[in-house]
Amino acid sequence: MVRTKQIAPILEELAGELDGQLKITKLNVDENPDIAMRYQVMSIPTLLVIDGGDVKKKIVGAKGKGALMQELDEFLATSH
């Protein structure tokens, strides 16, 4: 099982690999509670796929790289 702190390096790796296809950013919910409430973030980590201001997908819980790639595949231009 991947723990919350272990997901950060995975996301950094994916950000490099998916550059130009997907933008990965981080938000500290303790410092931005209004944004966390707006997007109904109840647990950490929560990943949101946002397109044009709309949430297209919400991924809750720490996952490994392979599982994240499967979750994000529908948003990628090419299959990996």
PDB file of N, CA and C in Angstrom:
ATOM      1  N   MET A   1       0.838  -1.189   0.000  1.00  0.00           N
ATOM      2  CA  MET A   1       0.000   0.000   0.000  1.00  0.00           C
ATOM      3  C   MET A   1       0.878   1.245   0.000  1.00  0.00           C
ATOM      4  N   VAL A   2       0.512   2.198  -0.797  1.00  0.00           N
ATOM      5  CA  VAL A   2       1.260   3.455  -0.890  1.00  0.00           C
ATOM      6  C   VAL A   2       0.724   4.420   0.161  1.00  0.00           C
ATOM      7  N   ARG A   3       1.601   5.001   0.936  1.00  0.00           N
ATOM      8  CA  ARG A   3       1.186   5.969   1.950  1.00  0.00           C
ATOM      9  C   ARG A   3       1.148   7.370   1.338  1.00  0.00           C
ATOM     10  N   THR A   4       0.450   8.263   2.027  1.00  0.00           N
ATOM     11  CA  THR A   4       0.255   9.623   1.529  1.00  0.00           C
ATOM     12  C   THR A   4       1.561  10.310   1.160  1.00  0.00           C
ATOM     13  N   LYS A   5       2.576  10.245   2.018  1.00  0.00           N
ATOM     14  CA  LYS A   5       3.847  10.927   1.736  1.00  0.00           C
ATOM     15  C   LYS A   5       4.606  10.270   0.590  1.00  0.00           C
ATOM     16  N   GLN A   6       4.289   9.021   0.293  1.00  0.00           N
ATOM     17  CA  GLN A   6       4.966   8.322  -0.789  1.00  0.00           C
ATOM     18  C   GLN A   6       4.405   8.709  -2.155  1.00  0.00           C
ATOM     19  N   ILE A   7       3.252   9.331  -2.195  1.00  0.00           N
ATOM     20  CA  ILE A   7       2.639   9.656  -3.481  1.00  0.00           C
ATOM     21  C   ILE A   7       3.291  10.884  -4.125  1.00  0.00           C
ATOM     22  N   ALA A   8       3.882  11.768  -3.327  1.00  0.00           N
ATOM     23  CA  ALA A   8       4.494  12.983  -3.874  1.00  0.00           C
ATOM     24  C   ALA A   8       5.569  12.677  -4.917  1.00  0.00           C
ATOM     25  N   PRO A   9       6.527  11.768  -4.647  1.00  0.00           N
ATOM     26  CA  PRO A   9       7.531  11.472  -5.672  1.00  0.00           C
ATOM     27  C   PRO A   9       6.919  10.831  -6.924  1.00  0.00           C
ATOM     28  N   ILE A  10       5.866  10.051  -6.737  1.00  0.00           N
ATOM     29  CA  ILE A  10       5.192   9.431  -7.886  1.00  0.00           C
ATOM     30  C   ILE A  10       4.555  10.517  -8.749  1.00  0.00           C
ATOM     31  N   LEU A  11       3.920  11.479  -8.116  1.00  0.00           N
ATOM     32  CA  LEU A  11       3.296  12.579  -8.861  1.00  0.00           C
ATOM     33  C   LEU A  11       4.344  13.434  -9.576  1.00  0.00           C
ATOM     34  N   GLU A  12       5.486  13.651  -8.929  1.00  0.00           N
ATOM     35  CA  GLU A  12       6.563  14.412  -9.574  1.00  0.00           C
ATOM     36  C   GLU A  12       7.078  13.673 -10.809  1.00  0.00           C
ATOM     37  N   GLU A  13       7.213  12.367 -10.690  1.00  0.00           N
ATOM     38  CA  GLU A  13       7.663  11.552 -11.815  1.00  0.00           C
ATOM     39  C   GLU A  13       6.646  11.611 -12.957  1.00  0.00           C
ATOM     40  N   LEU A  14       5.372  11.471 -12.622  1.00  0.00           N
ATOM     41  CA  LEU A  14       4.322  11.536 -13.642  1.00  0.00           C
ATOM     42  C   LEU A  14       4.258  12.916 -14.286  1.00  0.00           C
ATOM     43  N   ALA A  15       4.482  13.964 -13.502  1.00  0.00           N
ATOM     44  CA  ALA A  15       4.469  15.320 -14.050  1.00  0.00           C
ATOM     45  C   ALA A  15       5.510  15.465 -15.148  1.00  0.00           C
ATOM     46  N   GLY A  16       6.678  14.879 -14.949  1.00  0.00           N
ATOM     47  CA  GLY A  16       7.721  14.919 -15.970  1.00  0.00           C
ATOM     48  C   GLY A  16       7.378  14.085 -17.183  1.00  0.00           C
ATOM     49  N   GLU A  17       6.853  12.898 -16.941  1.00  0.00           N
ATOM     50  CA  GLU A  17       6.524  11.989 -18.040  1.00  0.00           C
ATOM     51  C   GLU A  17       5.338  12.469 -18.872  1.00  0.00           C
ATOM     52  N   LEU A  18       4.400  13.138 -18.224  1.00  0.00           N
ATOM     53  CA  LEU A  18       3.166  13.546 -18.904  1.00  0.00           C
ATOM     54  C   LEU A  18       3.151  15.025 -19.273  1.00  0.00           C
ATOM     55  N   ASP A  19       4.312  15.658 -19.209  1.00  0.00           N
ATOM     56  CA  ASP A  19       4.422  17.079 -19.545  1.00  0.00           C
ATOM     57  C   ASP A  19       3.827  17.336 -20.919  1.00  0.00           C
ATOM     58  N   GLY A  20       2.949  18.297 -20.993  1.00  0.00           N
ATOM     59  CA  GLY A  20       2.297  18.616 -22.252  1.00  0.00           C
ATOM     60  C   GLY A  20       0.949  17.930 -22.417  1.00  0.00           C
ATOM     61  N   GLN A  21       0.725  16.856 -21.670  1.00  0.00           N
ATOM     62  CA  GLN A  21      -0.552  16.143 -21.728  1.00  0.00           C
ATOM     63  C   GLN A  21      -1.414  16.435 -20.507  1.00  0.00           C
ATOM     64  N   LEU A  22      -0.750  16.637 -19.378  1.00  0.00           N
ATOM     65  CA  LEU A  22      -1.433  16.781 -18.104  1.00  0.00           C
ATOM     66  C   LEU A  22      -0.573  17.651 -17.203  1.00  0.00           C
ATOM     67  N   LYS A  23      -1.183  18.560 -16.484  1.00  0.00           N
ATOM     68  CA  LYS A  23      -0.438  19.404 -15.551  1.00  0.00           C
ATOM     69  C   LYS A  23      -0.767  18.947 -14.139  1.00  0.00           C
ATOM     70  N   ILE A  24       0.251  18.647 -13.373  1.00  0.00           N
ATOM     71  CA  ILE A  24       0.067  18.188 -12.002  1.00  0.00           C
ATOM     72  C   ILE A  24       0.532  19.298 -11.066  1.00  0.00           C
ATOM     73  N   THR A  25      -0.364  19.703 -10.175  1.00  0.00           N
ATOM     74  CA  THR A  25      -0.037  20.725  -9.178  1.00  0.00           C
ATOM     75  C   THR A  25      -0.455  20.218  -7.805  1.00  0.00           C
ATOM     76  N   LYS A  26       0.137  20.792  -6.766  1.00  0.00           N
ATOM     77  CA  LYS A  26      -0.189  20.411  -5.398  1.00  0.00           C
ATOM     78  C   LYS A  26      -0.791  21.610  -4.677  1.00  0.00           C
ATOM     79  N   LEU A  27      -1.662  21.313  -3.725  1.00  0.00           N
ATOM     80  CA  LEU A  27      -2.291  22.358  -2.923  1.00  0.00           C
ATOM     81  C   LEU A  27      -2.300  21.910  -1.469  1.00  0.00           C
ATOM     82  N   ASN A  28      -1.836  22.751  -0.578  1.00  0.00           N
ATOM     83  CA  ASN A  28      -1.871  22.467   0.850  1.00  0.00           C
ATOM     84  C   ASN A  28      -3.262  22.847   1.359  1.00  0.00           C
ATOM     85  N   VAL A  29      -4.061  21.840   1.718  1.00  0.00           N
ATOM     86  CA  VAL A  29      -5.440  22.102   2.135  1.00  0.00           C
ATOM     87  C   VAL A  29      -5.515  22.803   3.486  1.00  0.00           C
ATOM     88  N   ASP A  30      -4.485  22.652   4.334  1.00  0.00           N
ATOM     89  CA  ASP A  30      -4.472  23.367   5.607  1.00  0.00           C
ATOM     90  C   ASP A  30      -4.325  24.869   5.386  1.00  0.00           C
ATOM     91  N   GLU A  31      -3.580  25.246   4.357  1.00  0.00           N
ATOM     92  CA  GLU A  31      -3.368  26.653   4.048  1.00  0.00           C
ATOM     93  C   GLU A  31      -4.457  27.215   3.130  1.00  0.00           C
ATOM     94  N   ASN A  32      -5.253  26.338   2.517  1.00  0.00           N
ATOM     95  CA  ASN A  32      -6.289  26.749   1.570  1.00  0.00           C
ATOM     96  C   ASN A  32      -7.607  26.012   1.842  1.00  0.00           C
ATOM     97  N   PRO A  33      -8.163  26.165   3.059  1.00  0.00           N
ATOM     98  CA  PRO A  33      -9.364  25.407   3.399  1.00  0.00           C
ATOM     99  C   PRO A  33     -10.571  25.757   2.533  1.00  0.00           C
ATOM    100  N   ASP A  34     -10.628  26.980   2.040  1.00  0.00           N
ATOM    101  CA  ASP A  34     -11.755  27.389   1.185  1.00  0.00           C
ATOM    102  C   ASP A  34     -11.774  26.598  -0.124  1.00  0.00           C
ATOM    103  N   ILE A  35     -10.609  26.357  -0.683  1.00  0.00           N
ATOM    104  CA  ILE A  35     -10.528  25.584  -1.928  1.00  0.00           C
ATOM    105  C   ILE A  35     -10.854  24.122  -1.646  1.00  0.00           C
ATOM    106  N   ALA A  36     -10.359  23.596  -0.527  1.00  0.00           N
ATOM    107  CA  ALA A  36     -10.667  22.209  -0.152  1.00  0.00           C
ATOM    108  C   ALA A  36     -12.175  22.031   0.015  1.00  0.00           C
ATOM    109  N   MET A  37     -12.833  22.988   0.645  1.00  0.00           N
ATOM    110  CA  MET A  37     -14.286  22.912   0.818  1.00  0.00           C
ATOM    111  C   MET A  37     -15.006  23.014  -0.524  1.00  0.00           C
ATOM    112  N   ARG A  38     -14.533  23.910  -1.372  1.00  0.00           N
ATOM    113  CA  ARG A  38     -15.152  24.113  -2.685  1.00  0.00           C
ATOM    114  C   ARG A  38     -15.179  22.822  -3.501  1.00  0.00           C
ATOM    115  N   TYR A  39     -14.095  22.054  -3.417  1.00  0.00           N
ATOM    116  CA  TYR A  39     -13.986  20.807  -4.176  1.00  0.00           C
ATOM    117  C   TYR A  39     -14.314  19.573  -3.334  1.00  0.00           C
ATOM    118  N   GLN A  40     -14.847  19.788  -2.137  1.00  0.00           N
ATOM    119  CA  GLN A  40     -15.283  18.712  -1.237  1.00  0.00           C
ATOM    120  C   GLN A  40     -14.183  17.688  -0.979  1.00  0.00           C
ATOM    121  N   VAL A  41     -12.989  18.184  -0.676  1.00  0.00           N
ATOM    122  CA  VAL A  41     -11.867  17.310  -0.328  1.00  0.00           C
ATOM    123  C   VAL A  41     -12.020  16.939   1.138  1.00  0.00           C
ATOM    124  N   MET A  42     -12.294  15.665   1.387  1.00  0.00           N
ATOM    125  CA  MET A  42     -12.520  15.182   2.750  1.00  0.00           C
ATOM    126  C   MET A  42     -11.353  14.353   3.274  1.00  0.00           C
ATOM    127  N   SER A  43     -10.553  13.794   2.394  1.00  0.00           N
ATOM    128  CA  SER A  43      -9.392  13.023   2.823  1.00  0.00           C
ATOM    129  C   SER A  43      -8.194  13.332   1.949  1.00  0.00           C
ATOM    130  N   ILE A  44      -7.046  13.018   2.528  1.00  0.00           N
ATOM    131  CA  ILE A  44      -5.788  13.317   1.875  1.00  0.00           C
ATOM    132  C   ILE A  44      -5.073  11.988   1.627  1.00  0.00           C
ATOM    133  N   PRO A  45      -4.551  11.717   0.484  1.00  0.00           N
ATOM    134  CA  PRO A  45      -4.572  12.583  -0.693  1.00  0.00           C
ATOM    135  C   PRO A  45      -5.864  12.435  -1.500  1.00  0.00           C
ATOM    136  N   THR A  46      -6.238  13.532  -2.112  1.00  0.00           N
ATOM    137  CA  THR A  46      -7.319  13.543  -3.088  1.00  0.00           C
ATOM    138  C   THR A  46      -6.752  14.199  -4.338  1.00  0.00           C
ATOM    139  N   LEU A  47      -6.881  13.519  -5.454  1.00  0.00           N
ATOM    140  CA  LEU A  47      -6.427  14.073  -6.729  1.00  0.00           C
ATOM    141  C   LEU A  47      -7.653  14.398  -7.559  1.00  0.00           C
ATOM    142  N   LEU A  48      -7.643  15.581  -8.139  1.00  0.00           N
ATOM    143  CA  LEU A  48      -8.752  16.018  -8.983  1.00  0.00           C
ATOM    144  C   LEU A  48      -8.247  16.229 -10.399  1.00  0.00           C
ATOM    145  N   VAL A  49      -8.982  15.730 -11.363  1.00  0.00           N
ATOM    146  CA  VAL A  49      -8.703  16.030 -12.762  1.00  0.00           C
ATOM    147  C   VAL A  49      -9.685  17.135 -13.127  1.00  0.00           C
ATOM    148  N   ILE A  50      -9.149  18.312 -13.410  1.00  0.00           N
ATOM    149  CA  ILE A  50      -9.973  19.477 -13.708  1.00  0.00           C
ATOM    150  C   ILE A  50      -9.713  19.910 -15.140  1.00  0.00           C
ATOM    151  N   ASP A  51     -10.795  20.131 -15.869  1.00  0.00           N
ATOM    152  CA  ASP A  51     -10.692  20.584 -17.253  1.00  0.00           C
ATOM    153  C   ASP A  51     -11.720  21.688 -17.454  1.00  0.00           C
ATOM    154  N   GLY A  52     -11.253  22.858 -17.838  1.00  0.00           N
ATOM    155  CA  GLY A  52     -12.153  23.978 -18.055  1.00  0.00           C
ATOM    156  C   GLY A  52     -12.888  24.399 -16.794  1.00  0.00           C
ATOM    157  N   GLY A  53     -12.273  24.194 -15.634  1.00  0.00           N
ATOM    158  CA  GLY A  53     -12.883  24.566 -14.370  1.00  0.00           C
ATOM    159  C   GLY A  53     -13.816  23.515 -13.786  1.00  0.00           C
ATOM    160  N   ASP A  54     -14.072  22.452 -14.534  1.00  0.00           N
ATOM    161  CA  ASP A  54     -14.963  21.390 -14.064  1.00  0.00           C
ATOM    162  C   ASP A  54     -14.162  20.169 -13.621  1.00  0.00           C
ATOM    163  N   VAL A  55     -14.563  19.564 -12.505  1.00  0.00           N
ATOM    164  CA  VAL A  55     -13.926  18.335 -12.033  1.00  0.00           C
ATOM    165  C   VAL A  55     -14.420  17.188 -12.909  1.00  0.00           C
ATOM    166  N   LYS A  56     -13.497  16.573 -13.612  1.00  0.00           N
ATOM    167  CA  LYS A  56     -13.821  15.447 -14.494  1.00  0.00           C
ATOM    168  C   LYS A  56     -13.662  14.104 -13.781  1.00  0.00           C
ATOM    169  N   LYS A  57     -12.785  14.086 -12.760  1.00  0.00           N
ATOM    170  CA  LYS A  57     -12.559  12.847 -12.021  1.00  0.00           C
ATOM    171  C   LYS A  57     -11.961  13.176 -10.667  1.00  0.00           C
ATOM    172  N   LYS A  58     -12.359  12.418  -9.648  1.00  0.00           N
ATOM    173  CA  LYS A  58     -11.796  12.556  -8.303  1.00  0.00           C
ATOM    174  C   LYS A  58     -11.203  11.204  -7.920  1.00  0.00           C
ATOM    175  N   ILE A  59      -9.936  11.216  -7.533  1.00  0.00           N
ATOM    176  CA  ILE A  59      -9.228  10.006  -7.117  1.00  0.00           C
ATOM    177  C   ILE A  59      -8.860  10.201  -5.647  1.00  0.00           C
ATOM    178  N   VAL A  60      -9.399   9.361  -4.785  1.00  0.00           N
ATOM    179  CA  VAL A  60      -9.173   9.497  -3.352  1.00  0.00           C
ATOM    180  C   VAL A  60      -8.308   8.344  -2.868  1.00  0.00           C
ATOM    181  N   GLY A  61      -7.282   8.695  -2.106  1.00  0.00           N
ATOM    182  CA  GLY A  61      -6.399   7.682  -1.530  1.00  0.00           C
ATOM    183  C   GLY A  61      -5.093   7.573  -2.294  1.00  0.00           C
ATOM    184  N   ALA A  62      -4.078   7.133  -1.585  1.00  0.00           N
ATOM    185  CA  ALA A  62      -2.754   6.974  -2.182  1.00  0.00           C
ATOM    186  C   ALA A  62      -2.735   5.727  -3.054  1.00  0.00           C
ATOM    187  N   LYS A  63      -2.195   5.865  -4.246  1.00  0.00           N
ATOM    188  CA  LYS A  63      -2.106   4.758  -5.194  1.00  0.00           C
ATOM    189  C   LYS A  63      -0.696   4.722  -5.769  1.00  0.00           C
ATOM    190  N   GLY A  64      -0.312   3.573  -6.252  1.00  0.00           N
ATOM    191  CA  GLY A  64       0.978   3.426  -6.912  1.00  0.00           C
ATOM    192  C   GLY A  64       0.933   4.023  -8.310  1.00  0.00           C
ATOM    193  N   LYS A  65       2.084   4.095  -8.937  1.00  0.00           N
ATOM    194  CA  LYS A  65       2.200   4.700 -10.263  1.00  0.00           C
ATOM    195  C   LYS A  65       1.316   3.993 -11.296  1.00  0.00           C
ATOM    196  N   GLY A  66       1.338   2.681 -11.320  1.00  0.00           N
ATOM    197  CA  GLY A  66       0.533   1.930 -12.288  1.00  0.00           C
ATOM    198  C   GLY A  66      -0.948   2.196 -12.131  1.00  0.00           C
ATOM    199  N   ALA A  67      -1.417   2.203 -10.881  1.00  0.00           N
ATOM    200  CA  ALA A  67      -2.835   2.454 -10.614  1.00  0.00           C
ATOM    201  C   ALA A  67      -3.214   3.878 -11.014  1.00  0.00           C
ATOM    202  N   LEU A  68      -2.333   4.838 -10.746  1.00  0.00           N
ATOM    203  CA  LEU A  68      -2.611   6.224 -11.143  1.00  0.00           C
ATOM    204  C   LEU A  68      -2.667   6.360 -12.665  1.00  0.00           C
ATOM    205  N   MET A  69      -1.750   5.698 -13.347  1.00  0.00           N
ATOM    206  CA  MET A  69      -1.751   5.753 -14.812  1.00  0.00           C
ATOM    207  C   MET A  69      -3.057   5.186 -15.371  1.00  0.00           C
ATOM    208  N   GLN A  70      -3.555   4.113 -14.772  1.00  0.00           N
ATOM    209  CA  GLN A  70      -4.830   3.548 -15.211  1.00  0.00           C
ATOM    210  C   GLN A  70      -5.962   4.540 -14.988  1.00  0.00           C
ATOM    211  N   GLU A  71      -5.948   5.207 -13.838  1.00  0.00           N
ATOM    212  CA  GLU A  71      -6.982   6.188 -13.519  1.00  0.00           C
ATOM    213  C   GLU A  71      -6.947   7.385 -14.484  1.00  0.00           C
ATOM    214  N   LEU A  72      -5.744   7.761 -14.912  1.00  0.00           N
ATOM    215  CA  LEU A  72      -5.569   8.950 -15.751  1.00  0.00           C
ATOM    216  C   LEU A  72      -5.601   8.649 -17.244  1.00  0.00           C
ATOM    217  N   ASP A  73      -5.560   7.392 -17.614  1.00  0.00           N
ATOM    218  CA  ASP A  73      -5.441   6.989 -19.015  1.00  0.00           C
ATOM    219  C   ASP A  73      -6.474   7.650 -19.929  1.00  0.00           C
ATOM    220  N   GLU A  74      -7.699   7.764 -19.467  1.00  0.00           N
ATOM    221  CA  GLU A  74      -8.759   8.334 -20.312  1.00  0.00           C
ATOM    222  C   GLU A  74      -8.515   9.813 -20.641  1.00  0.00           C
ATOM    223  N   PHE A  75      -7.626  10.467 -19.908  1.00  0.00           N
ATOM    224  CA  PHE A  75      -7.349  11.889 -20.132  1.00  0.00           C
ATOM    225  C   PHE A  75      -6.069  12.121 -20.936  1.00  0.00           C
ATOM    226  N   LEU A  76      -5.375  11.049 -21.279  1.00  0.00           N
ATOM    227  CA  LEU A  76      -4.111  11.171 -21.993  1.00  0.00           C
ATOM    228  C   LEU A  76      -4.308  11.008 -23.487  1.00  0.00           C
ATOM    229  N   ALA A  77      -3.536  11.746 -24.252  1.00  0.00           N
ATOM    230  CA  ALA A  77      -3.658  11.726 -25.711  1.00  0.00           C
ATOM    231  C   ALA A  77      -3.229  10.382 -26.293  1.00  0.00           C
ATOM    232  N   THR A  78      -2.215   9.775 -25.685  1.00  0.00           N
ATOM    233  CA  THR A  78      -1.727   8.485 -26.188  1.00  0.00           C
ATOM    234  C   THR A  78      -1.688   7.496 -25.058  1.00  0.00           C
ATOM    235  N   SER A  79      -1.766   6.234 -25.385  1.00  0.00           N
ATOM    236  CA  SER A  79      -1.707   5.187 -24.376  1.00  0.00           C
ATOM    237  C   SER A  79      -0.262   4.882 -24.048  1.00  0.00           C
ATOM    238  N   HIS A  80       0.035   4.606 -22.774  1.00  0.00           N
ATOM    239  CA  HIS A  80       1.399   4.298 -22.330  1.00  0.00           C
ATOM    240  C   HIS A  80       1.560   2.841 -22.101  1.00  0.00           C
TER     241      HIS A  80
END
